[in-house]
Amino acid sequence: MAGRKSFLLRMDPALWAEVEAWAQQELRSVNGQIEFLLRQAVRKRKKAAETTPAPESPTEPDEESAGPALPADDFDVGEND
């Protein structure tokens, strides 16, 4: 069996109390509850990434996505209007 990674986690005392109460309701330790929640979040993220298609990168910009065309004289610099 692989070893487990240990790390220090600082959290707001109010959040700790909420997680602790939740863990007691679920008959888990606080550590077990945090690990459970993290596993759920990772699974949800992976599932969302699998179902979301990757955006296509266009080879040439569309006329609509390029924005409105401006007259050439709008680009002149140094003229006093």
N, C-alpha and C. Protein backbone atom coordinates (compact mmCIF):
# COMPACT_ATOMS: atom_id res chain seq x y z
N MET A 1 0.84 -1.18 0.00
CA MET A 1 0.00 0.00 0.00
C MET A 1 0.89 1.25 0.00
N ALA A 2 0.52 2.21 -0.83
CA ALA A 2 1.30 3.45 -0.93
C ALA A 2 1.08 4.30 0.31
N GLY A 3 2.11 5.07 0.66
CA GLY A 3 2.00 5.96 1.81
C GLY A 3 1.05 7.11 1.53
N ARG A 4 0.61 7.76 2.56
CA ARG A 4 -0.30 8.88 2.42
C ARG A 4 0.48 10.18 2.60
N LYS A 5 0.10 11.19 1.89
CA LYS A 5 0.76 12.50 1.94
C LYS A 5 0.18 13.31 3.09
N SER A 6 1.02 13.87 3.90
CA SER A 6 0.61 14.75 4.99
C SER A 6 0.91 16.19 4.64
N PHE A 7 0.03 17.10 5.04
CA PHE A 7 0.30 18.53 4.84
C PHE A 7 -0.51 19.32 5.85
N LEU A 8 -0.07 20.53 6.09
CA LEU A 8 -0.72 21.43 7.03
C LEU A 8 -1.82 22.20 6.30
N LEU A 9 -2.99 22.24 6.89
CA LEU A 9 -4.11 22.98 6.31
C LEU A 9 -4.59 23.99 7.34
N ARG A 10 -4.54 25.26 6.96
CA ARG A 10 -5.07 26.31 7.82
C ARG A 10 -6.46 26.65 7.33
N MET A 11 -7.41 26.74 8.25
CA MET A 11 -8.77 27.08 7.84
C MET A 11 -9.44 27.93 8.90
N ASP A 12 -10.39 28.69 8.46
CA ASP A 12 -11.16 29.56 9.34
C ASP A 12 -11.84 28.71 10.41
N PRO A 13 -11.83 29.14 11.67
CA PRO A 13 -12.45 28.35 12.74
C PRO A 13 -13.94 28.08 12.51
N ALA A 14 -14.66 29.01 11.92
CA ALA A 14 -16.08 28.78 11.63
C ALA A 14 -16.25 27.67 10.60
N LEU A 15 -15.40 27.66 9.59
CA LEU A 15 -15.46 26.59 8.59
C LEU A 15 -15.09 25.26 9.22
N TRP A 16 -14.08 25.26 10.09
CA TRP A 16 -13.69 24.04 10.80
C TRP A 16 -14.88 23.48 11.57
N ALA A 17 -15.59 24.34 12.27
CA ALA A 17 -16.74 23.89 13.06
C ALA A 17 -17.81 23.26 12.16
N GLU A 18 -18.05 23.87 11.01
CA GLU A 18 -19.03 23.33 10.06
C GLU A 18 -18.60 21.96 9.54
N VAL A 19 -17.34 21.85 9.15
CA VAL A 19 -16.83 20.58 8.63
C VAL A 19 -16.83 19.52 9.73
N GLU A 20 -16.46 19.92 10.93
CA GLU A 20 -16.45 18.98 12.05
C GLU A 20 -17.85 18.44 12.35
N ALA A 21 -18.84 19.32 12.37
CA ALA A 21 -20.22 18.89 12.61
C ALA A 21 -20.71 17.98 11.49
N TRP A 22 -20.37 18.33 10.25
CA TRP A 22 -20.76 17.52 9.11
C TRP A 22 -20.11 16.14 9.18
N ALA A 23 -18.83 16.11 9.55
CA ALA A 23 -18.12 14.84 9.68
C ALA A 23 -18.77 13.95 10.74
N GLN A 24 -19.17 14.54 11.86
CA GLN A 24 -19.83 13.77 12.91
C GLN A 24 -21.14 13.17 12.41
N GLN A 25 -21.90 13.95 11.63
CA GLN A 25 -23.16 13.45 11.07
C GLN A 25 -22.93 12.27 10.12
N GLU A 26 -21.82 12.30 9.41
CA GLU A 26 -21.49 11.27 8.43
C GLU A 26 -20.65 10.14 9.04
N LEU A 27 -20.39 10.23 10.35
CA LEU A 27 -19.59 9.25 11.07
C LEU A 27 -18.18 9.13 10.49
N ARG A 28 -17.58 10.28 10.22
CA ARG A 28 -16.21 10.35 9.72
C ARG A 28 -15.40 11.26 10.62
N SER A 29 -14.08 11.13 10.50
CA SER A 29 -13.19 12.11 11.13
C SER A 29 -13.20 13.36 10.27
N VAL A 30 -12.72 14.46 10.81
CA VAL A 30 -12.63 15.69 10.00
C VAL A 30 -11.71 15.44 8.82
N ASN A 31 -10.59 14.77 9.04
CA ASN A 31 -9.67 14.45 7.96
C ASN A 31 -10.38 13.61 6.89
N GLY A 32 -11.12 12.60 7.33
CA GLY A 32 -11.85 11.76 6.39
C GLY A 32 -12.90 12.53 5.62
N GLN A 33 -13.56 13.47 6.28
CA GLN A 33 -14.58 14.28 5.62
C GLN A 33 -13.96 15.19 4.56
N ILE A 34 -12.84 15.81 4.90
CA ILE A 34 -12.16 16.69 3.93
C ILE A 34 -11.70 15.87 2.73
N GLU A 35 -11.13 14.69 2.97
CA GLU A 35 -10.69 13.83 1.87
C GLU A 35 -11.87 13.40 1.01
N PHE A 36 -12.98 13.06 1.64
CA PHE A 36 -14.20 12.68 0.92
C PHE A 36 -14.67 13.82 0.02
N LEU A 37 -14.71 15.03 0.56
CA LEU A 37 -15.16 16.19 -0.21
C LEU A 37 -14.22 16.50 -1.37
N LEU A 38 -12.92 16.37 -1.14
CA LEU A 38 -11.96 16.61 -2.20
C LEU A 38 -12.09 15.57 -3.31
N ARG A 39 -12.30 14.30 -2.94
CA ARG A 39 -12.50 13.26 -3.95
C ARG A 39 -13.74 13.55 -4.79
N GLN A 40 -14.84 13.96 -4.14
CA GLN A 40 -16.06 14.32 -4.87
C GLN A 40 -15.80 15.45 -5.85
N ALA A 41 -15.10 16.47 -5.41
CA ALA A 41 -14.82 17.63 -6.26
C ALA A 41 -13.96 17.24 -7.45
N VAL A 42 -12.97 16.38 -7.24
CA VAL A 42 -12.09 15.95 -8.33
C VAL A 42 -12.89 15.12 -9.33
N ARG A 43 -13.74 14.19 -8.85
CA ARG A 43 -14.57 13.39 -9.75
C ARG A 43 -15.50 14.27 -10.58
N LYS A 44 -16.12 15.25 -9.92
CA LYS A 44 -17.04 16.16 -10.61
C LYS A 44 -16.30 16.96 -11.68
N ARG A 45 -15.11 17.42 -11.36
CA ARG A 45 -14.31 18.22 -12.31
C ARG A 45 -13.89 17.38 -13.51
N LYS A 46 -13.47 16.12 -13.24
CA LYS A 46 -13.07 15.24 -14.34
C LYS A 46 -14.26 14.93 -15.24
N LYS A 47 -15.41 14.68 -14.64
CA LYS A 47 -16.61 14.37 -15.41
C LYS A 47 -17.00 15.56 -16.28
N ALA A 48 -16.92 16.76 -15.74
CA ALA A 48 -17.25 17.97 -16.50
C ALA A 48 -16.26 18.16 -17.63
N ALA A 49 -14.99 17.87 -17.40
CA ALA A 49 -13.98 18.04 -18.45
C ALA A 49 -14.19 17.03 -19.57
N GLU A 50 -14.66 15.83 -19.24
CA GLU A 50 -14.90 14.81 -20.25
C GLU A 50 -16.10 15.14 -21.12
N THR A 51 -17.12 15.78 -20.56
CA THR A 51 -18.34 16.08 -21.30
C THR A 51 -18.29 17.42 -22.01
N THR A 52 -17.34 18.27 -21.68
CA THR A 52 -17.22 19.57 -22.33
C THR A 52 -16.30 19.45 -23.53
N PRO A 53 -16.82 19.73 -24.75
CA PRO A 53 -15.95 19.64 -25.91
C PRO A 53 -14.92 20.75 -25.92
N ALA A 54 -13.75 20.44 -26.45
CA ALA A 54 -12.69 21.44 -26.55
C ALA A 54 -13.09 22.48 -27.59
N PRO A 55 -12.82 23.75 -27.33
CA PRO A 55 -13.17 24.79 -28.31
C PRO A 55 -12.32 24.64 -29.56
N GLU A 56 -12.98 24.87 -30.70
CA GLU A 56 -12.26 24.80 -31.96
C GLU A 56 -11.52 26.11 -32.20
N SER A 57 -10.32 26.02 -32.71
CA SER A 57 -9.57 27.24 -33.01
C SER A 57 -9.69 27.50 -34.51
N PRO A 58 -10.31 28.61 -34.89
CA PRO A 58 -10.49 28.90 -36.31
C PRO A 58 -9.15 29.23 -36.96
N THR A 59 -9.03 28.85 -38.23
CA THR A 59 -7.80 29.15 -38.95
C THR A 59 -7.78 30.60 -39.39
N GLU A 60 -8.96 31.15 -39.73
CA GLU A 60 -9.06 32.55 -40.12
C GLU A 60 -10.20 33.17 -39.32
N PRO A 61 -10.05 34.40 -38.85
CA PRO A 61 -11.12 35.03 -38.08
C PRO A 61 -12.35 35.29 -38.94
N ASP A 62 -13.51 35.08 -38.38
CA ASP A 62 -14.77 35.39 -39.06
C ASP A 62 -14.93 36.89 -39.14
N GLU A 63 -15.72 37.34 -40.10
CA GLU A 63 -16.00 38.77 -40.19
C GLU A 63 -16.77 39.24 -38.97
N GLU A 64 -17.68 38.38 -38.45
CA GLU A 64 -18.48 38.75 -37.30
C GLU A 64 -17.64 38.85 -36.04
N SER A 65 -16.68 37.94 -35.87
CA SER A 65 -15.87 37.94 -34.66
C SER A 65 -14.75 38.97 -34.70
N ALA A 66 -14.46 39.49 -35.89
CA ALA A 66 -13.37 40.45 -36.02
C ALA A 66 -13.77 41.82 -35.50
N GLY A 67 -15.07 42.06 -35.33
CA GLY A 67 -15.53 43.36 -34.85
C GLY A 67 -15.90 44.25 -36.02
N PRO A 68 -16.47 45.40 -35.73
CA PRO A 68 -16.90 46.28 -36.82
C PRO A 68 -15.70 46.87 -37.55
N ALA A 69 -15.88 47.01 -38.86
CA ALA A 69 -14.83 47.61 -39.67
C ALA A 69 -14.89 49.12 -39.48
N LEU A 70 -13.74 49.75 -39.29
CA LEU A 70 -13.67 51.19 -39.12
C LEU A 70 -13.09 51.82 -40.37
N PRO A 71 -13.55 53.02 -40.71
CA PRO A 71 -12.98 53.69 -41.87
C PRO A 71 -11.49 53.96 -41.65
N ALA A 72 -10.73 53.98 -42.74
CA ALA A 72 -9.29 54.15 -42.66
C ALA A 72 -8.90 55.45 -41.98
N ASP A 73 -9.69 56.53 -42.15
CA ASP A 73 -9.31 57.81 -41.56
C ASP A 73 -9.45 57.81 -40.04
N ASP A 74 -10.12 56.82 -39.45
CA ASP A 74 -10.20 56.73 -37.99
C ASP A 74 -8.87 56.31 -37.38
N PHE A 75 -7.96 55.83 -38.18
CA PHE A 75 -6.68 55.37 -37.69
C PHE A 75 -5.57 56.40 -37.81
N ASP A 76 -5.87 57.53 -38.44
CA ASP A 76 -4.86 58.56 -38.61
C ASP A 76 -4.46 59.13 -37.25
N VAL A 77 -3.19 59.31 -37.07
CA VAL A 77 -2.66 59.81 -35.80
C VAL A 77 -2.08 61.20 -36.03
N GLY A 78 -2.32 62.10 -35.11
CA GLY A 78 -1.69 63.41 -35.15
C GLY A 78 -2.53 64.48 -35.80
N GLU A 79 -3.70 64.12 -36.31
CA GLU A 79 -4.55 65.14 -36.89
C GLU A 79 -5.35 65.82 -35.81
N ASN A 80 -5.55 67.10 -35.95
CA ASN A 80 -6.40 67.83 -35.02
C ASN A 80 -7.80 67.87 -35.58
N ASP A 81 -8.77 67.44 -34.80
CA ASP A 81 -10.16 67.43 -35.26
C ASP A 81 -10.88 68.66 -34.81
